Structure formats: structure tokens, C-alpha cells
N, C-alpha and C. Protein backbone atom coordinates (compact mmCIF):
# COMPACT_ATOMS: atom_id res chain seq x y z
N UNK A 1 -44.72 -31.36 -9.21
CA UNK A 1 -44.29 -31.75 -7.89
C UNK A 1 -45.24 -31.11 -6.89
N UNK A 2 -45.72 -31.91 -5.97
CA UNK A 2 -46.65 -31.35 -4.98
C UNK A 2 -45.90 -30.43 -4.03
N UNK A 3 -46.64 -29.50 -3.46
CA UNK A 3 -46.03 -28.51 -2.56
C UNK A 3 -45.45 -29.17 -1.32
N UNK A 4 -46.12 -30.18 -0.79
CA UNK A 4 -45.62 -30.87 0.41
C UNK A 4 -44.31 -31.57 0.11
N UNK A 5 -44.26 -32.26 -1.01
CA UNK A 5 -43.04 -32.97 -1.40
C UNK A 5 -41.90 -32.00 -1.68
N UNK A 6 -42.23 -30.90 -2.34
CA UNK A 6 -41.22 -29.92 -2.67
C UNK A 6 -40.62 -29.32 -1.40
N UNK A 7 -41.45 -28.95 -0.46
CA UNK A 7 -40.94 -28.33 0.76
C UNK A 7 -40.23 -29.32 1.66
N UNK A 8 -40.58 -30.59 1.57
CA UNK A 8 -39.84 -31.57 2.37
C UNK A 8 -38.42 -31.72 1.85
N UNK A 9 -38.23 -31.62 0.54
CA UNK A 9 -36.88 -31.69 -0.04
C UNK A 9 -36.12 -30.39 0.11
N UNK A 10 -36.83 -29.27 0.06
CA UNK A 10 -36.15 -27.98 0.03
C UNK A 10 -36.02 -27.31 1.39
N UNK A 11 -36.86 -27.66 2.36
CA UNK A 11 -36.80 -27.03 3.68
C UNK A 11 -36.58 -28.02 4.81
N UNK A 12 -37.39 -29.05 4.86
CA UNK A 12 -37.33 -29.96 6.01
C UNK A 12 -36.03 -30.77 6.00
N UNK A 13 -35.66 -31.33 4.87
CA UNK A 13 -34.43 -32.12 4.80
C UNK A 13 -33.19 -31.30 5.14
N UNK A 14 -32.96 -30.17 4.46
CA UNK A 14 -31.80 -29.35 4.82
C UNK A 14 -31.86 -28.81 6.24
N UNK A 15 -33.04 -28.44 6.71
CA UNK A 15 -33.17 -27.94 8.08
C UNK A 15 -32.82 -29.01 9.10
N UNK A 16 -33.28 -30.22 8.86
CA UNK A 16 -32.96 -31.33 9.76
C UNK A 16 -31.46 -31.64 9.73
N UNK A 17 -30.86 -31.57 8.55
CA UNK A 17 -29.42 -31.82 8.45
C UNK A 17 -28.62 -30.75 9.19
N UNK A 18 -29.05 -29.50 9.10
CA UNK A 18 -28.36 -28.42 9.81
C UNK A 18 -28.54 -28.57 11.33
N UNK A 19 -29.72 -28.98 11.76
CA UNK A 19 -29.93 -29.22 13.20
C UNK A 19 -29.08 -30.39 13.70
N UNK A 20 -28.96 -31.44 12.90
CA UNK A 20 -28.11 -32.57 13.26
C UNK A 20 -26.65 -32.13 13.35
N UNK A 21 -26.23 -31.29 12.43
CA UNK A 21 -24.86 -30.77 12.42
C UNK A 21 -24.60 -29.93 13.66
N UNK A 22 -25.52 -29.03 13.98
CA UNK A 22 -25.36 -28.19 15.17
C UNK A 22 -25.40 -29.03 16.44
N UNK A 23 -26.28 -30.00 16.50
CA UNK A 23 -26.35 -30.89 17.66
C UNK A 23 -25.08 -31.70 17.83
N UNK A 24 -24.52 -32.15 16.71
CA UNK A 24 -23.26 -32.90 16.77
C UNK A 24 -22.14 -32.02 17.30
N UNK A 25 -22.12 -30.77 16.87
CA UNK A 25 -21.10 -29.86 17.38
C UNK A 25 -21.26 -29.66 18.89
N UNK A 26 -22.49 -29.47 19.34
CA UNK A 26 -22.73 -29.26 20.77
C UNK A 26 -22.33 -30.49 21.59
N UNK A 27 -22.55 -31.68 21.05
CA UNK A 27 -22.18 -32.90 21.75
C UNK A 27 -20.67 -33.14 21.75
N UNK A 28 -20.00 -32.78 20.66
CA UNK A 28 -18.58 -33.10 20.51
C UNK A 28 -17.64 -31.96 20.89
N UNK A 29 -18.15 -30.78 21.16
CA UNK A 29 -17.27 -29.62 21.34
C UNK A 29 -16.32 -29.75 22.52
N UNK A 30 -16.68 -30.49 23.54
CA UNK A 30 -15.78 -30.66 24.68
C UNK A 30 -14.52 -31.44 24.28
N UNK A 31 -14.64 -32.35 23.33
CA UNK A 31 -13.50 -33.15 22.89
C UNK A 31 -12.76 -32.59 21.70
N UNK A 32 -13.21 -31.46 21.17
CA UNK A 32 -12.56 -30.87 19.99
C UNK A 32 -11.41 -29.97 20.41
N UNK A 33 -10.36 -29.95 19.62
CA UNK A 33 -9.25 -29.04 19.92
C UNK A 33 -9.64 -27.59 19.63
N UNK A 34 -8.91 -26.64 20.18
CA UNK A 34 -9.18 -25.22 19.92
C UNK A 34 -8.88 -24.86 18.47
N UNK A 35 -7.84 -25.46 17.92
CA UNK A 35 -7.45 -25.24 16.53
C UNK A 35 -7.59 -26.57 15.79
N UNK A 36 -8.26 -26.51 14.63
CA UNK A 36 -8.46 -27.72 13.84
C UNK A 36 -7.76 -27.53 12.50
N UNK A 37 -7.22 -28.62 11.99
CA UNK A 37 -6.53 -28.54 10.71
C UNK A 37 -7.56 -28.28 9.62
N UNK A 38 -7.26 -27.32 8.77
CA UNK A 38 -8.18 -26.98 7.69
C UNK A 38 -7.52 -27.04 6.32
N UNK A 39 -6.19 -27.22 6.32
CA UNK A 39 -5.46 -27.22 5.06
C UNK A 39 -4.19 -28.04 5.20
N UNK A 40 -3.88 -28.82 4.21
CA UNK A 40 -2.60 -29.52 4.12
C UNK A 40 -1.97 -29.17 2.79
N UNK A 41 -0.72 -28.80 2.83
CA UNK A 41 -0.03 -28.44 1.61
C UNK A 41 1.45 -28.74 1.74
N UNK A 42 2.22 -28.33 0.74
CA UNK A 42 3.66 -28.60 0.77
C UNK A 42 4.37 -27.89 1.92
N UNK A 43 3.78 -26.83 2.42
CA UNK A 43 4.39 -26.09 3.52
C UNK A 43 3.90 -26.58 4.88
N UNK A 44 3.11 -27.64 4.92
CA UNK A 44 2.63 -28.21 6.17
C UNK A 44 1.14 -28.01 6.35
N UNK A 45 0.72 -28.18 7.60
CA UNK A 45 -0.70 -28.09 7.93
C UNK A 45 -1.06 -26.67 8.32
N UNK A 46 -2.23 -26.24 7.90
CA UNK A 46 -2.77 -24.94 8.30
C UNK A 46 -3.92 -25.16 9.27
N UNK A 47 -3.88 -24.44 10.37
CA UNK A 47 -4.89 -24.60 11.41
C UNK A 47 -5.75 -23.36 11.49
N UNK A 48 -6.97 -23.54 11.96
CA UNK A 48 -7.89 -22.43 12.17
C UNK A 48 -8.74 -22.70 13.40
N UNK A 49 -9.41 -21.68 13.84
CA UNK A 49 -10.30 -21.80 14.99
C UNK A 49 -11.38 -22.83 14.68
N UNK A 50 -11.56 -23.78 15.57
CA UNK A 50 -12.52 -24.86 15.33
C UNK A 50 -13.94 -24.35 15.12
N UNK A 51 -14.47 -23.47 15.98
CA UNK A 51 -15.83 -22.98 15.72
C UNK A 51 -15.94 -22.22 14.40
N UNK A 52 -14.89 -21.48 14.04
CA UNK A 52 -14.92 -20.72 12.79
C UNK A 52 -14.92 -21.64 11.58
N UNK A 53 -14.05 -22.64 11.58
CA UNK A 53 -13.96 -23.57 10.45
C UNK A 53 -15.27 -24.33 10.29
N UNK A 54 -15.83 -24.81 11.39
CA UNK A 54 -17.08 -25.57 11.31
C UNK A 54 -18.26 -24.66 10.99
N UNK A 55 -18.21 -23.42 11.45
CA UNK A 55 -19.26 -22.46 11.11
C UNK A 55 -19.23 -22.08 9.64
N UNK A 56 -18.03 -21.94 9.08
CA UNK A 56 -17.92 -21.63 7.64
C UNK A 56 -18.48 -22.79 6.82
N UNK A 57 -18.22 -24.02 7.25
CA UNK A 57 -18.79 -25.18 6.55
C UNK A 57 -20.31 -25.12 6.58
N UNK A 58 -20.89 -24.76 7.71
CA UNK A 58 -22.35 -24.65 7.82
C UNK A 58 -22.88 -23.54 6.92
N UNK A 59 -22.17 -22.42 6.85
CA UNK A 59 -22.60 -21.31 5.98
C UNK A 59 -22.54 -21.70 4.51
N UNK A 60 -21.51 -22.43 4.12
CA UNK A 60 -21.41 -22.89 2.74
C UNK A 60 -22.56 -23.84 2.43
N UNK A 61 -22.90 -24.72 3.37
CA UNK A 61 -24.02 -25.64 3.17
C UNK A 61 -25.33 -24.88 3.04
N UNK A 62 -25.53 -23.86 3.87
CA UNK A 62 -26.76 -23.05 3.79
C UNK A 62 -26.85 -22.38 2.42
N UNK A 63 -25.73 -21.86 1.94
CA UNK A 63 -25.72 -21.22 0.61
C UNK A 63 -26.06 -22.24 -0.48
N UNK A 64 -25.49 -23.43 -0.41
CA UNK A 64 -25.78 -24.46 -1.41
C UNK A 64 -27.24 -24.89 -1.35
N UNK A 65 -27.77 -25.07 -0.13
CA UNK A 65 -29.19 -25.40 0.00
C UNK A 65 -30.07 -24.29 -0.56
N UNK A 66 -29.70 -23.05 -0.29
CA UNK A 66 -30.48 -21.91 -0.78
C UNK A 66 -30.50 -21.85 -2.30
N UNK A 67 -29.34 -22.04 -2.91
CA UNK A 67 -29.27 -22.01 -4.38
C UNK A 67 -30.06 -23.19 -4.96
N UNK A 68 -29.95 -24.37 -4.33
CA UNK A 68 -30.71 -25.52 -4.81
C UNK A 68 -32.20 -25.30 -4.71
N UNK A 69 -32.65 -24.73 -3.60
CA UNK A 69 -34.08 -24.47 -3.43
C UNK A 69 -34.57 -23.40 -4.40
N UNK A 70 -33.78 -22.35 -4.57
CA UNK A 70 -34.17 -21.27 -5.48
C UNK A 70 -34.27 -21.78 -6.92
N UNK A 71 -33.27 -22.54 -7.36
CA UNK A 71 -33.31 -23.04 -8.73
C UNK A 71 -34.45 -24.05 -8.92
N UNK A 72 -34.72 -24.86 -7.91
CA UNK A 72 -35.83 -25.82 -8.01
C UNK A 72 -37.16 -25.08 -8.16
N UNK A 73 -37.37 -24.08 -7.31
CA UNK A 73 -38.61 -23.30 -7.42
C UNK A 73 -38.71 -22.59 -8.76
N UNK A 74 -37.60 -22.05 -9.23
CA UNK A 74 -37.59 -21.32 -10.49
C UNK A 74 -37.89 -22.25 -11.66
N UNK A 75 -37.19 -23.37 -11.73
CA UNK A 75 -37.37 -24.30 -12.85
C UNK A 75 -38.76 -24.92 -12.85
N UNK A 76 -39.29 -25.27 -11.69
CA UNK A 76 -40.62 -25.89 -11.67
C UNK A 76 -41.71 -24.86 -11.95
N UNK A 77 -41.53 -23.62 -11.49
CA UNK A 77 -42.53 -22.59 -11.76
C UNK A 77 -42.59 -22.25 -13.25
N UNK A 78 -41.44 -22.30 -13.91
CA UNK A 78 -41.39 -22.01 -15.34
C UNK A 78 -41.73 -23.22 -16.21
N UNK A 79 -41.84 -24.39 -15.59
CA UNK A 79 -42.12 -25.61 -16.35
C UNK A 79 -40.90 -26.16 -17.07
N UNK A 80 -39.71 -25.80 -16.62
CA UNK A 80 -38.47 -26.25 -17.25
C UNK A 80 -37.80 -27.34 -16.43
N UNK A 81 -38.53 -28.37 -16.10
CA UNK A 81 -37.96 -29.44 -15.28
C UNK A 81 -37.43 -30.53 -16.21
N UNK A 82 -36.32 -30.21 -16.88
CA UNK A 82 -35.66 -31.14 -17.79
C UNK A 82 -34.44 -31.74 -17.08
N UNK A 83 -33.71 -32.59 -17.76
CA UNK A 83 -32.58 -33.28 -17.15
C UNK A 83 -31.50 -32.31 -16.67
N UNK A 84 -31.19 -31.30 -17.46
CA UNK A 84 -30.17 -30.33 -17.06
C UNK A 84 -30.54 -29.55 -15.81
N UNK A 85 -31.71 -28.92 -15.79
CA UNK A 85 -32.12 -28.22 -14.57
C UNK A 85 -32.24 -29.13 -13.35
N UNK A 86 -32.73 -30.35 -13.54
CA UNK A 86 -32.81 -31.27 -12.41
C UNK A 86 -31.42 -31.59 -11.89
N UNK A 87 -30.45 -31.75 -12.78
CA UNK A 87 -29.08 -32.04 -12.36
C UNK A 87 -28.49 -30.87 -11.57
N UNK A 88 -28.83 -29.65 -11.97
CA UNK A 88 -28.35 -28.48 -11.24
C UNK A 88 -28.90 -28.49 -9.82
N UNK A 89 -30.18 -28.74 -9.68
CA UNK A 89 -30.82 -28.78 -8.36
C UNK A 89 -30.22 -29.90 -7.51
N UNK A 90 -30.08 -31.08 -8.09
CA UNK A 90 -29.52 -32.21 -7.35
C UNK A 90 -28.10 -31.91 -6.90
N UNK A 91 -27.29 -31.33 -7.78
CA UNK A 91 -25.89 -31.06 -7.42
C UNK A 91 -25.77 -30.02 -6.31
N UNK A 92 -26.57 -28.96 -6.36
CA UNK A 92 -26.48 -27.96 -5.30
C UNK A 92 -26.98 -28.50 -3.96
N UNK A 93 -28.10 -29.21 -3.97
CA UNK A 93 -28.60 -29.78 -2.72
C UNK A 93 -27.63 -30.82 -2.17
N UNK A 94 -27.10 -31.67 -3.05
CA UNK A 94 -26.13 -32.68 -2.60
C UNK A 94 -24.84 -32.03 -2.11
N UNK A 95 -24.46 -30.91 -2.70
CA UNK A 95 -23.27 -30.20 -2.22
C UNK A 95 -23.47 -29.71 -0.79
N UNK A 96 -24.67 -29.24 -0.48
CA UNK A 96 -24.96 -28.82 0.88
C UNK A 96 -24.82 -29.96 1.86
N UNK A 97 -25.40 -31.12 1.51
CA UNK A 97 -25.27 -32.28 2.38
C UNK A 97 -23.82 -32.75 2.47
N UNK A 98 -23.10 -32.68 1.35
CA UNK A 98 -21.70 -33.10 1.34
C UNK A 98 -20.83 -32.23 2.22
N UNK A 99 -21.05 -30.92 2.20
CA UNK A 99 -20.26 -30.02 3.03
C UNK A 99 -20.59 -30.24 4.51
N UNK A 100 -21.84 -30.50 4.83
CA UNK A 100 -22.18 -30.84 6.21
C UNK A 100 -21.51 -32.15 6.63
N UNK A 101 -21.45 -33.11 5.72
CA UNK A 101 -20.76 -34.36 6.02
C UNK A 101 -19.27 -34.12 6.21
N UNK A 102 -18.69 -33.21 5.43
CA UNK A 102 -17.29 -32.84 5.59
C UNK A 102 -17.04 -32.28 7.00
N UNK A 103 -17.88 -31.36 7.43
CA UNK A 103 -17.74 -30.79 8.77
C UNK A 103 -17.94 -31.83 9.85
N UNK A 104 -18.91 -32.71 9.67
CA UNK A 104 -19.15 -33.77 10.64
C UNK A 104 -17.97 -34.74 10.69
N UNK A 105 -17.44 -35.08 9.53
CA UNK A 105 -16.26 -35.95 9.48
C UNK A 105 -15.07 -35.30 10.14
N UNK A 106 -14.92 -34.00 9.95
CA UNK A 106 -13.84 -33.26 10.59
C UNK A 106 -14.00 -33.28 12.11
N UNK A 107 -15.23 -33.07 12.57
CA UNK A 107 -15.49 -33.10 14.01
C UNK A 107 -15.19 -34.48 14.60
N UNK A 108 -15.67 -35.51 13.94
CA UNK A 108 -15.47 -36.86 14.45
C UNK A 108 -14.00 -37.26 14.44
N UNK A 109 -13.30 -36.94 13.36
CA UNK A 109 -11.88 -37.30 13.27
C UNK A 109 -11.04 -36.52 14.27
N UNK A 110 -11.38 -35.27 14.52
CA UNK A 110 -10.60 -34.46 15.45
C UNK A 110 -10.91 -34.80 16.90
N UNK A 111 -12.07 -35.37 17.16
CA UNK A 111 -12.43 -35.66 18.55
C UNK A 111 -11.93 -37.02 19.02
N UNK A 112 -11.44 -37.85 18.10
CA UNK A 112 -10.90 -39.16 18.48
C UNK A 112 -9.54 -38.95 19.13
N UNK A 113 -9.31 -39.50 20.30
CA UNK A 113 -8.01 -39.32 20.95
C UNK A 113 -6.86 -39.88 20.10
N UNK A 114 -5.79 -39.12 20.03
CA UNK A 114 -4.62 -39.55 19.27
C UNK A 114 -4.56 -39.01 17.86
N UNK A 115 -5.67 -38.50 17.31
CA UNK A 115 -5.66 -37.99 15.95
C UNK A 115 -5.56 -36.47 15.90
N UNK A 116 -5.55 -35.83 17.04
CA UNK A 116 -5.50 -34.37 17.05
C UNK A 116 -4.21 -33.84 16.43
N UNK A 117 -3.14 -34.58 16.61
CA UNK A 117 -1.85 -34.12 16.09
C UNK A 117 -1.60 -34.61 14.68
N UNK A 118 -2.49 -35.42 14.14
CA UNK A 118 -2.31 -35.97 12.80
C UNK A 118 -3.25 -35.26 11.84
N UNK A 119 -2.78 -34.17 11.26
CA UNK A 119 -3.62 -33.37 10.37
C UNK A 119 -4.09 -34.13 9.16
N UNK A 120 -3.24 -35.02 8.62
CA UNK A 120 -3.60 -35.77 7.43
C UNK A 120 -4.79 -36.69 7.70
N UNK A 121 -4.86 -37.25 8.90
CA UNK A 121 -6.00 -38.11 9.23
C UNK A 121 -7.30 -37.32 9.24
N UNK A 122 -7.27 -36.18 9.88
CA UNK A 122 -8.48 -35.36 9.96
C UNK A 122 -8.93 -34.91 8.59
N UNK A 123 -8.00 -34.43 7.77
CA UNK A 123 -8.35 -34.00 6.41
C UNK A 123 -8.82 -35.19 5.58
N UNK A 124 -8.15 -36.30 5.69
CA UNK A 124 -8.52 -37.48 4.90
C UNK A 124 -9.91 -37.98 5.22
N UNK A 125 -10.21 -38.09 6.50
CA UNK A 125 -11.54 -38.56 6.88
C UNK A 125 -12.63 -37.56 6.52
N UNK A 126 -12.32 -36.27 6.63
CA UNK A 126 -13.33 -35.28 6.28
C UNK A 126 -13.59 -35.26 4.78
N UNK A 127 -12.54 -35.45 3.97
CA UNK A 127 -12.75 -35.50 2.52
C UNK A 127 -13.49 -36.77 2.11
N UNK A 128 -13.22 -37.88 2.80
CA UNK A 128 -13.97 -39.10 2.54
C UNK A 128 -15.45 -38.90 2.90
N UNK A 129 -15.70 -38.22 4.01
CA UNK A 129 -17.09 -37.93 4.40
C UNK A 129 -17.76 -37.03 3.37
N UNK A 130 -17.04 -36.05 2.83
CA UNK A 130 -17.58 -35.18 1.78
C UNK A 130 -17.98 -36.01 0.57
N UNK A 131 -17.11 -36.88 0.13
CA UNK A 131 -17.38 -37.72 -1.04
C UNK A 131 -18.59 -38.63 -0.80
N UNK A 132 -18.60 -39.29 0.35
CA UNK A 132 -19.71 -40.19 0.65
C UNK A 132 -21.03 -39.44 0.85
N UNK A 133 -20.97 -38.30 1.54
CA UNK A 133 -22.17 -37.50 1.76
C UNK A 133 -22.76 -36.96 0.47
N UNK A 134 -21.89 -36.42 -0.40
CA UNK A 134 -22.36 -35.91 -1.69
C UNK A 134 -22.94 -37.03 -2.54
N UNK A 135 -22.23 -38.15 -2.62
CA UNK A 135 -22.68 -39.26 -3.46
C UNK A 135 -24.01 -39.83 -2.98
N UNK A 136 -24.13 -40.03 -1.68
CA UNK A 136 -25.38 -40.59 -1.14
C UNK A 136 -26.54 -39.62 -1.35
N UNK A 137 -26.30 -38.34 -1.09
CA UNK A 137 -27.37 -37.35 -1.27
C UNK A 137 -27.77 -37.24 -2.73
N UNK A 138 -26.79 -37.24 -3.63
CA UNK A 138 -27.11 -37.14 -5.06
C UNK A 138 -27.90 -38.35 -5.52
N UNK A 139 -27.55 -39.53 -5.04
CA UNK A 139 -28.28 -40.74 -5.44
C UNK A 139 -29.72 -40.69 -4.93
N UNK A 140 -29.90 -40.29 -3.69
CA UNK A 140 -31.26 -40.23 -3.13
C UNK A 140 -32.08 -39.14 -3.82
N UNK A 141 -31.50 -37.96 -3.97
CA UNK A 141 -32.24 -36.85 -4.58
C UNK A 141 -32.60 -37.12 -6.03
N UNK A 142 -31.69 -37.74 -6.78
CA UNK A 142 -32.00 -37.99 -8.19
C UNK A 142 -33.13 -39.00 -8.34
N UNK A 143 -33.28 -39.88 -7.36
CA UNK A 143 -34.38 -40.84 -7.41
C UNK A 143 -35.68 -40.27 -6.86
N UNK A 144 -35.59 -39.46 -5.83
CA UNK A 144 -36.79 -38.99 -5.13
C UNK A 144 -37.40 -37.72 -5.74
N UNK A 145 -36.59 -36.88 -6.35
CA UNK A 145 -37.16 -35.71 -7.02
C UNK A 145 -37.93 -36.19 -8.25
N UNK A 146 -38.92 -35.44 -8.69
CA UNK A 146 -39.72 -35.88 -9.84
C UNK A 146 -38.86 -36.15 -11.08
N UNK A 147 -39.34 -37.07 -11.88
CA UNK A 147 -38.63 -37.41 -13.11
C UNK A 147 -38.59 -36.20 -14.03
N UNK A 148 -37.46 -36.05 -14.68
CA UNK A 148 -37.29 -34.92 -15.60
C UNK A 148 -38.14 -35.13 -16.86
N UNK A 149 -38.62 -34.03 -17.40
CA UNK A 149 -39.38 -34.09 -18.64
C UNK A 149 -38.43 -34.40 -19.80
N UNK A 150 -38.95 -35.01 -20.80
CA UNK A 150 -38.14 -35.30 -21.99
C UNK A 150 -38.11 -34.07 -22.87
N UNK A 151 -36.92 -33.77 -23.37
CA UNK A 151 -36.78 -32.64 -24.28
C UNK A 151 -36.92 -33.13 -25.70
N UNK A 152 -37.57 -32.32 -26.51
CA UNK A 152 -37.71 -32.65 -27.93
C UNK A 152 -36.74 -31.79 -28.73
N UNK A 153 -36.10 -32.40 -29.66
CA UNK A 153 -35.17 -31.68 -30.52
C UNK A 153 -35.89 -31.29 -31.80
N UNK A 154 -35.71 -30.06 -32.19
CA UNK A 154 -36.26 -29.64 -33.46
C UNK A 154 -37.47 -28.89 -33.32
């Protein structure tokens, strides 16, 4: 994998996604409630500080991007770019994008008038965004990252 291609997947893509996430928060923060639903369970909805919940999502995404970048560099430097290691890299990077999509979905669902009091709507849309974000990122990354080497048995 060329260095330019590697860094575009490991630094530029995640950095741009984090900037988009932060920009979205700055644009939508006036319409966001002070407390956003972060949990639904049998005892009802659990609320948390909106900046804290969205900040934790960003931190989780940064951690996932970091682990994906570290494992990609490690596996390619060692020459172990097989299907298993590639899947690990794809899953961690896609998890970062998925968590950012979850936070973005939460922001968008909470900023729509009339849905602030409906915790299930906010959670539902954010989980749908997580699923779609992870799936789309995994599909793109699995195609765009270099093809895995074939392993020989025996």
C-alpha cells in the first residue's frame, strides 16, 4: 500500500469525518436540548448532558480510528496483510465512522421540533444511523483498502 493511500485512509478520512461531526454540532447546537436521551430501558429514558454525550461519541470514534490505524500500520509493516488482519482494520475504522454517524443521527433527531420529548425516536434514529454508517464505511473500506494476501495452508 502506498504511503499516500495509507494516510488518506488512516488520517485524512477520519480527520475529515471528525471535522464534519464538530461542524455539525456547531451548526445544530442552538436547536439541541440541554439534556439528550442516551438510554432507553425498562425503567424509562436516561438523559445526559448533550455536549458530554456527543463528546463521548467523538472520543469513542477517535479511539476506534486510532486502533484501526495502529493495526493497519502494524500488519502492513510486518507483511501480514491477510483476510483476518484486513477485517480487523476495516471493522475498527468502520466502527469509528459508525459511532460518528450515531452521534450525528442523535443530533439530527434531537434537533427536529417535536421529537425532543420522544426518547425512542432519538434512540431509534441514532441506532439506524450507526448501522448505516458502519455498513457503508465497511463496504467502502473493504473495497478500497488493498486486497488481502492469500494464506497458504501447510
